[in-house]
Amino acid sequence: MKISYYPGCTLKTKAKNLDRAAIASLTALGVEVTEIDRWNCCGAVHSLTADDLIHQVGPVRNLIRAKEQGAKKLVTLCSMCYNTLARANRIMKTDEVKRATINRFMTEEIDYAGEVEVVHFLTFLQEEIGWEAVKEKVKVPLTGLAVAPYYGCTLQRPADVGIEPFGSYSLMTGLLEALGATVVPFNAADKCCGSYQVLGSPAGENSAGAAILNLAAGAGIEALATSCPLCEYNLGKQQQLMLEKGRIAKNIPTYYFTQLLAVALGLDSAVCHFELNTRISVDLLKDKNCLAAA
């Protein structure tokens, strides 16, 4: 099986622990990954201004690259990349006037009309591989790890591009259960982590992120799994400062779901780049004997 893949900017730098673990896991599952040629930044945030069509050129160019390579589907991983690409794709599919304008902006590109389907990594795993097949490949079950899916803002919103209905977390739940983890219900799984608003606040003063972590601690959650580098920054990398400033009661380890997938498949922990996670995240996996085979 082969897929066309769009990584996005952050997954090549500060979130390579999300990207590398994903690629290694797909290889172990028998999937050949082809990164699209000459991809560019997706724009990170979908413009909410109806006539800001130039903002759509970035994501649409990536879809054109996939079309040029003959791809029918383009798999992506970062929550914000998925959201931005899928919403741009919706415009190109459904709005003839805007589609014509955007295509005219790109004089050196072929025309595009939404021929490529944007697919999130979790959707691909469920639809093309299946949880039972994933479970059969597990070598180091995440037994005893009480983890909650954290979707954040962009995986389910807006409804017409969300990977599943608002308030449903069956995709990541199904994966985590296939990996042997204990999935804990979490009523803040779709709450905003603070997004880019943290840039205007002193480090460690993220009230939105602190509220989520305190709710997780109160629910008996040992770890959070996410698909978004910005969520990981706000909930993971800012955590120690939040603790020192009294914003949270305790640390809650955070992971990209692809890291947990790679660990459960028994892959070398080097592909997970745990040096980019907090120390407590590695310690928890060691305590649960989940890194024994790595």
C-alpha atoms as a PDB file:
ATOM      1  CA  MET A   1       0.000   0.000   0.000  1.00  0.00           C
ATOM      2  CA  LYS A   2       1.261   3.479  -0.891  1.00  0.00           C
ATOM      3  CA  ILE A   3       0.183   6.915   0.302  1.00  0.00           C
ATOM      4  CA  SER A   4       1.014  10.506  -0.589  1.00  0.00           C
ATOM      5  CA  TYR A   5       1.965  12.476   2.492  1.00  0.00           C
ATOM      6  CA  TYR A   6       2.127  16.147   3.443  1.00  0.00           C
ATOM      7  CA  PRO A   7       4.266  16.743   6.568  1.00  0.00           C
ATOM      8  CA  GLY A   8       4.112  20.498   7.077  1.00  0.00           C
ATOM      9  CA  CYS A   9       6.806  22.810   8.415  1.00  0.00           C
ATOM     10  CA  THR A  10       6.864  22.124  12.145  1.00  0.00           C
ATOM     11  CA  LEU A  11       7.042  18.361  11.669  1.00  0.00           C
ATOM     12  CA  LYS A  12      10.474  18.782  10.107  1.00  0.00           C
ATOM     13  CA  THR A  13      11.817  20.767  13.067  1.00  0.00           C
ATOM     14  CA  LYS A  14      10.328  21.143  16.542  1.00  0.00           C
ATOM     15  CA  ALA A  15       7.738  18.403  16.032  1.00  0.00           C
ATOM     16  CA  LYS A  16       9.826  15.808  14.260  1.00  0.00           C
ATOM     17  CA  ASN A  17       8.843  13.466  17.097  1.00  0.00           C
ATOM     18  CA  LEU A  18       5.332  13.537  15.587  1.00  0.00           C
ATOM     19  CA  ASP A  19       6.550  12.984  12.027  1.00  0.00           C
ATOM     20  CA  ARG A  20       9.331  10.418  12.460  1.00  0.00           C
ATOM     21  CA  ALA A  21       7.292   8.172  14.732  1.00  0.00           C
ATOM     22  CA  ALA A  22       4.447   8.251  12.202  1.00  0.00           C
ATOM     23  CA  ILE A  23       6.601   7.327   9.198  1.00  0.00           C
ATOM     24  CA  ALA A  24       8.375   4.527  11.075  1.00  0.00           C
ATOM     25  CA  SER A  25       5.021   3.170  12.250  1.00  0.00           C
ATOM     26  CA  LEU A  26       3.537   3.184   8.763  1.00  0.00           C
ATOM     27  CA  THR A  27       6.573   1.318   7.453  1.00  0.00           C
ATOM     28  CA  ALA A  28       6.095  -1.294  10.178  1.00  0.00           C
ATOM     29  CA  LEU A  29       2.441  -1.588   9.149  1.00  0.00           C
ATOM     30  CA  GLY A  30       3.401  -2.217   5.536  1.00  0.00           C
ATOM     31  CA  VAL A  31       2.630   1.234   4.136  1.00  0.00           C
ATOM     32  CA  GLU A  32       4.980   2.973   1.704  1.00  0.00           C
ATOM     33  CA  VAL A  33       5.004   6.724   2.270  1.00  0.00           C
ATOM     34  CA  THR A  34       5.739   9.195  -0.530  1.00  0.00           C
ATOM     35  CA  GLU A  35       6.221  12.774   0.613  1.00  0.00           C
ATOM     36  CA  ILE A  36       4.874  15.135  -2.038  1.00  0.00           C
ATOM     37  CA  ASP A  37       7.465  17.129  -3.979  1.00  0.00           C
ATOM     38  CA  ARG A  38       8.067  20.833  -3.437  1.00  0.00           C
ATOM     39  CA  TRP A  39       5.522  21.232  -0.673  1.00  0.00           C
ATOM     40  CA  ASN A  40       5.252  24.579   1.091  1.00  0.00           C
ATOM     41  CA  CYS A  41       3.795  25.874   4.342  1.00  0.00           C
ATOM     42  CA  CYS A  42       0.032  25.365   4.445  1.00  0.00           C
ATOM     43  CA  GLY A  43      -0.453  28.769   6.066  1.00  0.00           C
ATOM     44  CA  ALA A  44      -1.025  27.238   9.515  1.00  0.00           C
ATOM     45  CA  VAL A  45      -4.348  29.015  10.159  1.00  0.00           C
ATOM     46  CA  HIS A  46      -7.337  29.114   7.822  1.00  0.00           C
ATOM     47  CA  SER A  47      -8.382  32.689   7.103  1.00  0.00           C
ATOM     48  CA  LEU A  48     -11.852  33.536   8.375  1.00  0.00           C
ATOM     49  CA  THR A  49     -12.158  36.499   6.007  1.00  0.00           C
ATOM     50  CA  ALA A  50     -14.432  35.430   3.160  1.00  0.00           C
ATOM     51  CA  ASP A  51     -12.623  37.436   0.460  1.00  0.00           C
ATOM     52  CA  ASP A  52      -9.066  36.671   1.612  1.00  0.00           C
ATOM     53  CA  LEU A  53      -8.487  34.293  -1.269  1.00  0.00           C
ATOM     54  CA  ILE A  54      -4.748  34.887  -1.563  1.00  0.00           C
ATOM     55  CA  HIS A  55      -4.440  33.157   1.813  1.00  0.00           C
ATOM     56  CA  GLN A  56      -5.679  29.959   0.131  1.00  0.00           C
ATOM     57  CA  VAL A  57      -2.854  29.809  -2.412  1.00  0.00           C
ATOM     58  CA  GLY A  58      -0.444  28.134   0.025  1.00  0.00           C
ATOM     59  CA  PRO A  59      -2.643  25.158   0.910  1.00  0.00           C
ATOM     60  CA  VAL A  60      -4.013  24.803  -2.619  1.00  0.00           C
ATOM     61  CA  ARG A  61      -0.480  24.642  -4.066  1.00  0.00           C
ATOM     62  CA  ASN A  62       0.150  21.585  -1.880  1.00  0.00           C
ATOM     63  CA  LEU A  63      -3.010  19.956  -3.196  1.00  0.00           C
ATOM     64  CA  ILE A  64      -1.839  20.697  -6.738  1.00  0.00           C
ATOM     65  CA  ARG A  65       1.484  18.986  -5.970  1.00  0.00           C
ATOM     66  CA  ALA A  66      -0.437  15.885  -4.893  1.00  0.00           C
ATOM     67  CA  LYS A  67      -2.580  16.021  -8.042  1.00  0.00           C
ATOM     68  CA  GLU A  68       0.545  16.345 -10.198  1.00  0.00           C
ATOM     69  CA  GLN A  69       1.867  13.132  -8.656  1.00  0.00           C
ATOM     70  CA  GLY A  70      -1.375  11.319  -9.446  1.00  0.00           C
ATOM     71  CA  ALA A  71      -2.562  11.089  -5.848  1.00  0.00           C
ATOM     72  CA  LYS A  72      -6.253  10.630  -5.134  1.00  0.00           C
ATOM     73  CA  LYS A  73      -5.722  11.128  -1.409  1.00  0.00           C
ATOM     74  CA  LEU A  74      -3.267  13.232   0.570  1.00  0.00           C
ATOM     75  CA  VAL A  75      -2.568  12.105   4.120  1.00  0.00           C
ATOM     76  CA  THR A  76      -1.487  14.657   6.683  1.00  0.00           C
ATOM     77  CA  LEU A  77      -0.811  14.536  10.397  1.00  0.00           C
ATOM     78  CA  CYS A  78      -0.698  17.915  12.116  1.00  0.00           C
ATOM     79  CA  SER A  79      -4.185  18.969  13.248  1.00  0.00           C
ATOM     80  CA  MET A  80      -3.767  22.508  11.971  1.00  0.00           C
ATOM     81  CA  CYS A  81      -2.318  21.401   8.624  1.00  0.00           C
ATOM     82  CA  TYR A  82      -5.240  19.023   8.184  1.00  0.00           C
ATOM     83  CA  ASN A  83      -7.738  21.749   9.021  1.00  0.00           C
ATOM     84  CA  THR A  84      -6.143  24.308   6.709  1.00  0.00           C
ATOM     85  CA  LEU A  85      -5.761  21.928   3.766  1.00  0.00           C
ATOM     86  CA  ALA A  86      -9.239  20.435   4.141  1.00  0.00           C
ATOM     87  CA  ARG A  87     -10.947  23.832   4.340  1.00  0.00           C
ATOM     88  CA  ALA A  88      -9.064  25.159   1.323  1.00  0.00           C
ATOM     89  CA  ASN A  89      -9.972  21.986  -0.528  1.00  0.00           C
ATOM     90  CA  ARG A  90     -13.640  22.490   0.325  1.00  0.00           C
ATOM     91  CA  ILE A  91     -13.531  25.956  -1.264  1.00  0.00           C
ATOM     92  CA  MET A  92     -11.974  24.568  -4.445  1.00  0.00           C
ATOM     93  CA  LYS A  93     -14.594  21.825  -4.640  1.00  0.00           C
ATOM     94  CA  THR A  94     -17.724  23.817  -3.905  1.00  0.00           C
ATOM     95  CA  ASP A  95     -17.248  27.479  -4.862  1.00  0.00           C
ATOM     96  CA  GLU A  96     -16.869  27.961  -8.611  1.00  0.00           C
ATOM     97  CA  VAL A  97     -16.200  31.698  -8.419  1.00  0.00           C
ATOM     98  CA  LYS A  98     -13.543  31.495  -5.724  1.00  0.00           C
ATOM     99  CA  ARG A  99     -11.990  28.464  -7.422  1.00  0.00           C
ATOM    100  CA  ALA A 100     -11.566  30.387 -10.658  1.00  0.00           C
ATOM    101  CA  THR A 101      -9.988  33.337  -8.855  1.00  0.00           C
ATOM    102  CA  ILE A 102      -7.550  31.192  -6.874  1.00  0.00           C
ATOM    103  CA  ASN A 103      -6.533  29.289  -9.980  1.00  0.00           C
ATOM    104  CA  ARG A 104      -5.861  32.588 -11.769  1.00  0.00           C
ATOM    105  CA  PHE A 105      -3.509  33.596  -8.955  1.00  0.00           C
ATOM    106  CA  MET A 106      -1.252  30.652  -9.833  1.00  0.00           C
ATOM    107  CA  THR A 107      -0.167  31.251 -13.415  1.00  0.00           C
ATOM    108  CA  GLU A 108       2.513  28.555 -13.374  1.00  0.00           C
ATOM    109  CA  GLU A 109       0.332  25.847 -11.832  1.00  0.00           C
ATOM    110  CA  ILE A 110      -2.193  23.472 -13.317  1.00  0.00           C
ATOM    111  CA  ASP A 111      -5.832  24.221 -12.493  1.00  0.00           C
ATOM    112  CA  TYR A 112      -7.246  22.529  -9.441  1.00  0.00           C
ATOM    113  CA  ALA A 113     -10.877  21.738  -8.616  1.00  0.00           C
ATOM    114  CA  GLY A 114     -10.692  19.637  -5.456  1.00  0.00           C
ATOM    115  CA  GLU A 115      -9.711  16.359  -7.119  1.00  0.00           C
ATOM    116  CA  VAL A 116      -7.570  15.234  -4.142  1.00  0.00           C
ATOM    117  CA  GLU A 117      -9.141  14.105  -0.877  1.00  0.00           C
ATOM    118  CA  VAL A 118      -7.435  15.389   2.294  1.00  0.00           C
ATOM    119  CA  VAL A 119      -7.232  12.610   4.872  1.00  0.00           C
ATOM    120  CA  HIS A 120      -6.018  12.786   8.449  1.00  0.00           C
ATOM    121  CA  PHE A 121      -3.586  10.095   9.591  1.00  0.00           C
ATOM    122  CA  LEU A 122      -6.071   8.716  12.148  1.00  0.00           C
ATOM    123  CA  THR A 123      -8.771   8.338   9.500  1.00  0.00           C
ATOM    124  CA  PHE A 124      -6.300   6.582   7.215  1.00  0.00           C
ATOM    125  CA  LEU A 125      -5.327   4.132   9.959  1.00  0.00           C
ATOM    126  CA  GLN A 126      -8.924   3.229  10.679  1.00  0.00           C
ATOM    127  CA  GLU A 127     -10.195   3.018   7.108  1.00  0.00           C
ATOM    128  CA  GLU A 128      -7.206   1.523   5.311  1.00  0.00           C
ATOM    129  CA  ILE A 129      -5.584  -0.620   8.003  1.00  0.00           C
ATOM    130  CA  GLY A 130      -8.135  -1.086  10.789  1.00  0.00           C
ATOM    131  CA  TRP A 131      -7.744  -1.349  14.528  1.00  0.00           C
ATOM    132  CA  GLU A 132      -7.671  -5.132  14.571  1.00  0.00           C
ATOM    133  CA  ALA A 133      -4.767  -5.179  12.117  1.00  0.00           C
ATOM    134  CA  VAL A 134      -2.941  -2.601  14.236  1.00  0.00           C
ATOM    135  CA  LYS A 135      -3.595  -4.671  17.350  1.00  0.00           C
ATOM    136  CA  GLU A 136      -2.086  -7.743  15.696  1.00  0.00           C
ATOM    137  CA  LYS A 137       1.148  -5.807  15.119  1.00  0.00           C
ATOM    138  CA  VAL A 138       1.480  -4.631  18.732  1.00  0.00           C
ATOM    139  CA  LYS A 139       4.591  -6.015  20.449  1.00  0.00           C
ATOM    140  CA  VAL A 140       4.646  -3.859  23.590  1.00  0.00           C
ATOM    141  CA  PRO A 141       1.068  -3.279  24.767  1.00  0.00           C
ATOM    142  CA  LEU A 142       0.563  -0.033  26.673  1.00  0.00           C
ATOM    143  CA  THR A 143      -0.918  -1.992  29.550  1.00  0.00           C
ATOM    144  CA  GLY A 144      -1.824   0.076  32.574  1.00  0.00           C
ATOM    145  CA  LEU A 145      -1.327   3.436  30.859  1.00  0.00           C
ATOM    146  CA  ALA A 146      -4.362   5.617  31.596  1.00  0.00           C
ATOM    147  CA  VAL A 147      -4.394   8.014  28.676  1.00  0.00           C
ATOM    148  CA  ALA A 148      -6.974  10.429  27.269  1.00  0.00           C
ATOM    149  CA  PRO A 149      -7.274  11.641  23.672  1.00  0.00           C
ATOM    150  CA  TYR A 150      -6.864  15.401  23.384  1.00  0.00           C
ATOM    151  CA  TYR A 151      -8.261  16.710  20.086  1.00  0.00           C
ATOM    152  CA  GLY A 152      -8.123  20.446  20.694  1.00  0.00           C
ATOM    153  CA  CYS A 153      -9.914  22.885  18.381  1.00  0.00           C
ATOM    154  CA  THR A 154      -9.144  21.903  14.832  1.00  0.00           C
ATOM    155  CA  LEU A 155      -9.729  18.168  14.388  1.00  0.00           C
ATOM    156  CA  GLN A 156     -13.524  18.430  14.618  1.00  0.00           C
ATOM    157  CA  ARG A 157     -14.220  22.034  13.645  1.00  0.00           C
ATOM    158  CA  PRO A 158     -15.901  23.025  11.405  1.00  0.00           C
ATOM    159  CA  ALA A 159     -18.223  20.046  11.190  1.00  0.00           C
ATOM    160  CA  ASP A 160     -17.991  19.645   7.415  1.00  0.00           C
ATOM    161  CA  VAL A 161     -14.243  18.969   7.516  1.00  0.00           C
ATOM    162  CA  GLY A 162     -13.875  17.463  11.009  1.00  0.00           C
ATOM    163  CA  ILE A 163     -12.428  13.974  11.194  1.00  0.00           C
ATOM    164  CA  GLU A 164     -15.467  12.878  13.208  1.00  0.00           C
ATOM    165  CA  PRO A 165     -18.555  14.505  14.748  1.00  0.00           C
ATOM    166  CA  PHE A 166     -18.064  17.151  17.387  1.00  0.00           C
ATOM    167  CA  GLY A 167     -17.835  15.549  20.824  1.00  0.00           C
ATOM    168  CA  SER A 168     -16.816  12.143  19.466  1.00  0.00           C
ATOM    169  CA  TYR A 169     -13.285  10.829  19.999  1.00  0.00           C
ATOM    170  CA  SER A 170     -13.680   7.338  18.588  1.00  0.00           C
ATOM    171  CA  LEU A 171     -10.759   7.527  16.174  1.00  0.00           C
ATOM    172  CA  MET A 172      -8.016   8.173  18.699  1.00  0.00           C
ATOM    173  CA  THR A 173      -9.842   6.074  21.291  1.00  0.00           C
ATOM    174  CA  GLY A 174      -9.947   3.125  18.904  1.00  0.00           C
ATOM    175  CA  LEU A 175      -6.230   3.431  18.193  1.00  0.00           C
ATOM    176  CA  LEU A 176      -5.211   3.766  21.842  1.00  0.00           C
ATOM    177  CA  GLU A 177      -7.347   0.788  22.826  1.00  0.00           C
ATOM    178  CA  ALA A 178      -5.792  -1.255  20.011  1.00  0.00           C
ATOM    179  CA  LEU A 179      -2.396  -0.381  21.504  1.00  0.00           C
ATOM    180  CA  GLY A 180      -3.486  -1.786  24.880  1.00  0.00           C
ATOM    181  CA  ALA A 181      -3.885   1.502  26.739  1.00  0.00           C
ATOM    182  CA  THR A 182      -6.714   2.297  29.137  1.00  0.00           C
ATOM    183  CA  VAL A 183      -8.629   5.207  27.616  1.00  0.00           C
ATOM    184  CA  VAL A 184     -10.087   7.593  30.183  1.00  0.00           C
ATOM    185  CA  PRO A 185     -13.077   9.781  29.204  1.00  0.00           C
ATOM    186  CA  PHE A 186     -12.099  13.440  29.241  1.00  0.00           C
ATOM    187  CA  ASN A 187     -14.661  16.235  29.074  1.00  0.00           C
ATOM    188  CA  ALA A 188     -12.023  18.802  28.072  1.00  0.00           C
ATOM    189  CA  ALA A 189     -10.766  16.855  25.054  1.00  0.00           C
ATOM    190  CA  ASP A 190     -12.022  19.497  22.635  1.00  0.00           C
ATOM    191  CA  LYS A 191     -11.221  22.618  24.662  1.00  0.00           C
ATOM    192  CA  CYS A 192      -8.777  25.160  23.259  1.00  0.00           C
ATOM    193  CA  CYS A 193      -5.239  24.928  24.686  1.00  0.00           C
ATOM    194  CA  GLY A 194      -4.761  28.687  24.341  1.00  0.00           C
ATOM    195  CA  SER A 195      -3.536  28.517  20.751  1.00  0.00           C
ATOM    196  CA  TYR A 196      -1.375  31.474  19.721  1.00  0.00           C
ATOM    197  CA  GLN A 197      -2.759  33.655  22.510  1.00  0.00           C
ATOM    198  CA  VAL A 198       0.063  32.378  24.710  1.00  0.00           C
ATOM    199  CA  LEU A 199       2.440  34.608  22.728  1.00  0.00           C
ATOM    200  CA  GLY A 200       0.932  37.617  24.469  1.00  0.00           C
ATOM    201  CA  SER A 201       1.212  36.148  27.963  1.00  0.00           C
ATOM    202  CA  PRO A 202       4.215  35.577  30.239  1.00  0.00           C
ATOM    203  CA  ALA A 203       5.650  32.045  30.015  1.00  0.00           C
ATOM    204  CA  GLY A 204       3.773  29.662  32.263  1.00  0.00           C
ATOM    205  CA  GLU A 205       0.690  31.903  32.513  1.00  0.00           C
ATOM    206  CA  ASN A 206      -1.463  29.956  30.059  1.00  0.00           C
ATOM    207  CA  SER A 207      -4.767  29.806  31.913  1.00  0.00           C
ATOM    208  CA  ALA A 208      -6.517  27.795  29.194  1.00  0.00           C
ATOM    209  CA  GLY A 209      -3.803  25.135  29.176  1.00  0.00           C
ATOM    210  CA  ALA A 210      -3.654  25.071  32.976  1.00  0.00           C
ATOM    211  CA  ALA A 211      -7.405  24.480  33.187  1.00  0.00           C
ATOM    212  CA  ILE A 212      -7.127  21.497  30.831  1.00  0.00           C
ATOM    213  CA  LEU A 213      -4.232  19.953  32.765  1.00  0.00           C
ATOM    214  CA  ASN A 214      -5.985  20.411  36.112  1.00  0.00           C
ATOM    215  CA  LEU A 215      -9.125  18.766  34.744  1.00  0.00           C
ATOM    216  CA  ALA A 216      -7.020  15.874  33.456  1.00  0.00           C
ATOM    217  CA  ALA A 217      -5.364  15.424  36.847  1.00  0.00           C
ATOM    218  CA  GLY A 218      -8.749  15.473  38.563  1.00  0.00           C
ATOM    219  CA  ALA A 219     -10.061  12.793  36.181  1.00  0.00           C
ATOM    220  CA  GLY A 220      -7.235  10.396  37.065  1.00  0.00           C
ATOM    221  CA  ILE A 221      -5.608  10.726  33.652  1.00  0.00           C
ATOM    222  CA  GLU A 222      -1.929   9.772  33.570  1.00  0.00           C
ATOM    223  CA  ALA A 223      -1.182  11.130  30.093  1.00  0.00           C
ATOM    224  CA  LEU A 224      -2.642  13.067  27.192  1.00  0.00           C
ATOM    225  CA  ALA A 225      -2.273  12.132  23.510  1.00  0.00           C
ATOM    226  CA  THR A 226      -2.494  14.806  20.829  1.00  0.00           C
ATOM    227  CA  SER A 227      -1.950  15.432  17.123  1.00  0.00           C
ATOM    228  CA  CYS A 228      -1.079  19.128  17.226  1.00  0.00           C
ATOM    229  CA  PRO A 229       2.375  20.692  17.746  1.00  0.00           C
ATOM    230  CA  LEU A 230       0.836  23.862  19.156  1.00  0.00           C
ATOM    231  CA  CYS A 231      -1.197  21.853  21.670  1.00  0.00           C
ATOM    232  CA  GLU A 232       1.932  19.930  22.616  1.00  0.00           C
ATOM    233  CA  TYR A 233       3.779  23.188  23.182  1.00  0.00           C
ATOM    234  CA  ASN A 234       1.040  24.733  25.302  1.00  0.00           C
ATOM    235  CA  LEU A 235       0.202  21.630  27.316  1.00  0.00           C
ATOM    236  CA  GLY A 236       3.575  19.893  27.362  1.00  0.00           C
ATOM    237  CA  LYS A 237       6.527  22.209  27.036  1.00  0.00           C
ATOM    238  CA  GLN A 238       4.952  24.958  29.158  1.00  0.00           C
ATOM    239  CA  GLN A 239       3.980  22.545  31.888  1.00  0.00           C
ATOM    240  CA  GLN A 240       6.932  22.835  34.243  1.00  0.00           C
ATOM    241  CA  LEU A 241       6.640  26.622  34.289  1.00  0.00           C
ATOM    242  CA  MET A 242       2.921  26.288  35.041  1.00  0.00           C
ATOM    243  CA  LEU A 243       3.762  24.012  37.939  1.00  0.00           C
ATOM    244  CA  GLU A 244       6.406  26.380  39.307  1.00  0.00           C
ATOM    245  CA  LYS A 245       3.979  29.297  39.112  1.00  0.00           C
ATOM    246  CA  GLY A 246       1.231  27.364  40.864  1.00  0.00           C
ATOM    247  CA  ARG A 247      -1.043  27.248  37.819  1.00  0.00           C
ATOM    248  CA  ILE A 248      -1.355  23.455  37.875  1.00  0.00           C
ATOM    249  CA  ALA A 249      -1.422  20.925  40.691  1.00  0.00           C
ATOM    250  CA  LYS A 250       0.724  18.224  39.077  1.00  0.00           C
ATOM    251  CA  ASN A 251       2.477  17.234  35.881  1.00  0.00           C
ATOM    252  CA  ILE A 252       0.591  15.269  33.231  1.00  0.00           C
ATOM    253  CA  PRO A 253       2.865  13.670  30.589  1.00  0.00           C
ATOM    254  CA  THR A 254       1.950  14.491  26.990  1.00  0.00           C
ATOM    255  CA  TYR A 255       2.633  12.506  23.816  1.00  0.00           C
ATOM    256  CA  TYR A 256       1.900  12.601  20.151  1.00  0.00           C
ATOM    257  CA  PHE A 257      -0.331   9.634  19.398  1.00  0.00           C
ATOM    258  CA  THR A 258       2.197   8.518  16.781  1.00  0.00           C
ATOM    259  CA  GLN A 259       4.834   8.129  19.499  1.00  0.00           C
ATOM    260  CA  LEU A 260       2.547   5.807  21.442  1.00  0.00           C
ATOM    261  CA  LEU A 261       1.874   3.875  18.238  1.00  0.00           C
ATOM    262  CA  ALA A 262       5.593   3.451  17.539  1.00  0.00           C
ATOM    263  CA  VAL A 263       6.311   2.369  21.116  1.00  0.00           C
ATOM    264  CA  ALA A 264       3.520  -0.230  21.054  1.00  0.00           C
ATOM    265  CA  LEU A 265       4.777  -1.584  17.733  1.00  0.00           C
ATOM    266  CA  GLY A 266       8.116  -2.221  19.450  1.00  0.00           C
ATOM    267  CA  LEU A 267      10.090   0.219  17.337  1.00  0.00           C
ATOM    268  CA  ASP A 268      13.381   1.703  18.468  1.00  0.00           C
ATOM    269  CA  SER A 269      12.604   4.623  20.767  1.00  0.00           C
ATOM    270  CA  ALA A 270      15.025   6.749  18.698  1.00  0.00           C
ATOM    271  CA  VAL A 271      12.306   7.171  16.039  1.00  0.00           C
ATOM    272  CA  CYS A 272      10.118   8.834  18.675  1.00  0.00           C
ATOM    273  CA  HIS A 273      12.649  11.572  19.460  1.00  0.00           C
ATOM    274  CA  PHE A 274      11.643  11.653  23.107  1.00  0.00           C
ATOM    275  CA  GLU A 275      14.326  14.258  23.702  1.00  0.00           C
ATOM    276  CA  LEU A 276      11.731  16.713  22.389  1.00  0.00           C
ATOM    277  CA  ASN A 277       9.219  15.638  25.028  1.00  0.00           C
ATOM    278  CA  THR A 278       9.351  16.447  28.714  1.00  0.00           C
ATOM    279  CA  ARG A 279      11.386  14.147  30.939  1.00  0.00           C
ATOM    280  CA  ILE A 280       8.276  13.000  32.780  1.00  0.00           C
ATOM    281  CA  SER A 281       6.848  11.638  29.538  1.00  0.00           C
ATOM    282  CA  VAL A 282       9.782   9.270  29.109  1.00  0.00           C
ATOM    283  CA  ASP A 283       9.790   8.347  32.791  1.00  0.00           C
ATOM    284  CA  LEU A 284       6.135   7.311  32.716  1.00  0.00           C
ATOM    285  CA  LEU A 285       6.674   4.955  29.783  1.00  0.00           C
ATOM    286  CA  LYS A 286       9.664   3.438  31.544  1.00  0.00           C
ATOM    287  CA  ASP A 287       7.649   2.992  34.726  1.00  0.00           C
ATOM    288  CA  LYS A 288       4.999   1.143  32.720  1.00  0.00           C
ATOM    289  CA  ASN A 289       7.707  -1.032  31.080  1.00  0.00           C
ATOM    290  CA  CYS A 290       6.613   0.231  27.688  1.00  0.00           C
ATOM    291  CA  LEU A 291      10.131   1.035  26.523  1.00  0.00           C
ATOM    292  CA  ALA A 292      11.559  -2.360  27.410  1.00  0.00           C
ATOM    293  CA  ALA A 293      11.725  -3.577  23.810  1.00  0.00           C
ATOM    294  CA  ALA A 294      13.153  -0.373  22.416  1.00  0.00           C
END
